[in-house]
Amino acid sequence: MTYAIASGKSYSHILQFTVCLGQLYGCLVYFITAYLDGFNFWTSPFYFWAYFIGANSSWVVIPTMIAIRSWKKICAAFQVEKVKTK
């Protein structure tokens, strides 16, 4: 995947989008599992907000931003193809 992104391959955005969706799914499973456990793992509110929310937020925010960017690029590529075929 790194090779495709670095060399600007045409399929790099599809790979990025797919990997980001996988990461977001993993985060969703992690948060839902903790919720279903009743958040029994945290000992204080600071631990909950600093570790559970703060430290894990980058695993949600960054893939979301990359997925949105890749989605826009994919949509733009389809719009260009649609214009060329008319």
Protein backbone atom coordinates (compact mmCIF):
# COMPACT_ATOMS: atom_id res chain seq x y z
CA MET A 1 0.00 0.00 0.00
CA THR A 2 2.81 2.41 0.82
CA TYR A 3 4.29 1.82 -2.61
CA ALA A 4 0.96 2.62 -4.29
CA ILE A 5 0.58 5.85 -2.33
CA ALA A 6 4.19 6.99 -2.76
CA SER A 7 4.25 6.30 -6.49
CA GLY A 8 0.80 7.80 -7.12
CA LYS A 9 -0.81 4.66 -8.51
CA SER A 10 -4.38 4.97 -9.74
CA TYR A 11 -5.67 2.52 -7.14
CA SER A 12 -4.05 4.18 -4.12
CA HIS A 13 -7.21 5.98 -3.00
CA ILE A 14 -9.26 2.80 -3.09
CA LEU A 15 -6.61 1.10 -0.92
CA GLN A 16 -6.53 4.02 1.50
CA PHE A 17 -10.31 4.09 1.77
CA THR A 18 -10.47 0.34 2.39
CA VAL A 19 -7.77 0.36 5.06
CA CYS A 20 -9.36 3.36 6.79
CA LEU A 21 -12.73 1.64 6.90
CA GLY A 22 -11.05 -1.40 8.45
CA GLN A 23 -9.41 0.80 11.08
CA LEU A 24 -12.67 2.56 11.87
CA TYR A 25 -14.43 -0.80 12.18
CA GLY A 26 -11.75 -1.95 14.62
CA CYS A 27 -12.21 1.20 16.70
CA LEU A 28 -15.96 0.71 16.68
CA VAL A 29 -15.57 -2.85 17.96
CA TYR A 30 -13.14 -1.63 20.65
CA PHE A 31 -15.48 1.10 21.89
CA ILE A 32 -18.60 -1.08 21.74
CA THR A 33 -16.85 -3.86 23.65
CA ALA A 34 -15.83 -1.41 26.36
CA TYR A 35 -19.37 -0.03 26.48
CA LEU A 36 -20.92 -3.48 26.78
CA ASP A 37 -18.45 -4.26 29.58
CA GLY A 38 -19.79 -1.22 31.38
CA PHE A 39 -16.50 0.69 31.19
CA ASN A 40 -15.25 -1.40 34.11
CA PHE A 41 -11.63 -0.98 33.07
CA TRP A 42 -11.24 2.64 34.11
CA THR A 43 -10.35 3.60 37.65
CA SER A 44 -10.96 7.34 37.50
CA PRO A 45 -12.58 9.92 35.23
CA PHE A 46 -9.11 11.22 34.32
CA TYR A 47 -8.09 7.78 33.07
CA PHE A 48 -11.29 7.50 31.06
CA TRP A 49 -10.92 10.89 29.35
CA ALA A 50 -7.13 10.92 29.00
CA TYR A 51 -6.57 7.35 27.88
CA PHE A 52 -9.81 5.94 26.55
CA ILE A 53 -11.00 9.07 24.76
CA GLY A 54 -7.89 11.22 24.29
CA ALA A 55 -5.30 8.62 23.32
CA ASN A 56 -7.69 6.70 21.11
CA SER A 57 -9.18 9.70 19.34
CA SER A 58 -6.32 9.85 16.83
CA TRP A 59 -7.22 6.29 15.74
CA VAL A 60 -10.64 7.64 14.75
CA VAL A 61 -9.93 11.19 13.55
CA ILE A 62 -6.98 10.50 11.22
CA PRO A 63 -8.54 7.54 9.35
CA THR A 64 -11.79 9.50 9.03
CA MET A 65 -9.96 12.43 7.44
CA ILE A 66 -8.05 10.14 5.06
CA ALA A 67 -11.24 8.25 4.15
CA ILE A 68 -13.09 11.49 3.39
CA ARG A 69 -10.22 12.76 1.22
CA SER A 70 -9.99 9.46 -0.65
CA TRP A 71 -13.76 9.33 -1.13
CA LYS A 72 -13.73 12.83 -2.65
CA LYS A 73 -10.88 11.87 -4.99
CA ILE A 74 -12.71 8.70 -6.08
CA CYS A 75 -15.93 10.65 -6.71
CA ALA A 76 -14.04 13.31 -8.65
CA ALA A 77 -12.45 10.63 -10.84
CA PHE A 78 -15.88 9.23 -11.67
CA GLN A 79 -17.16 12.72 -12.49
CA VAL A 80 -14.27 13.24 -14.92
CA GLU A 81 -15.03 9.90 -16.58
CA LYS A 82 -18.71 10.83 -16.85
CA VAL A 83 -17.86 14.15 -18.54
CA LYS A 84 -15.43 12.47 -20.98
CA THR A 85 -18.02 9.95 -22.12
CA LYS A 86 -20.72 12.53 -22.92
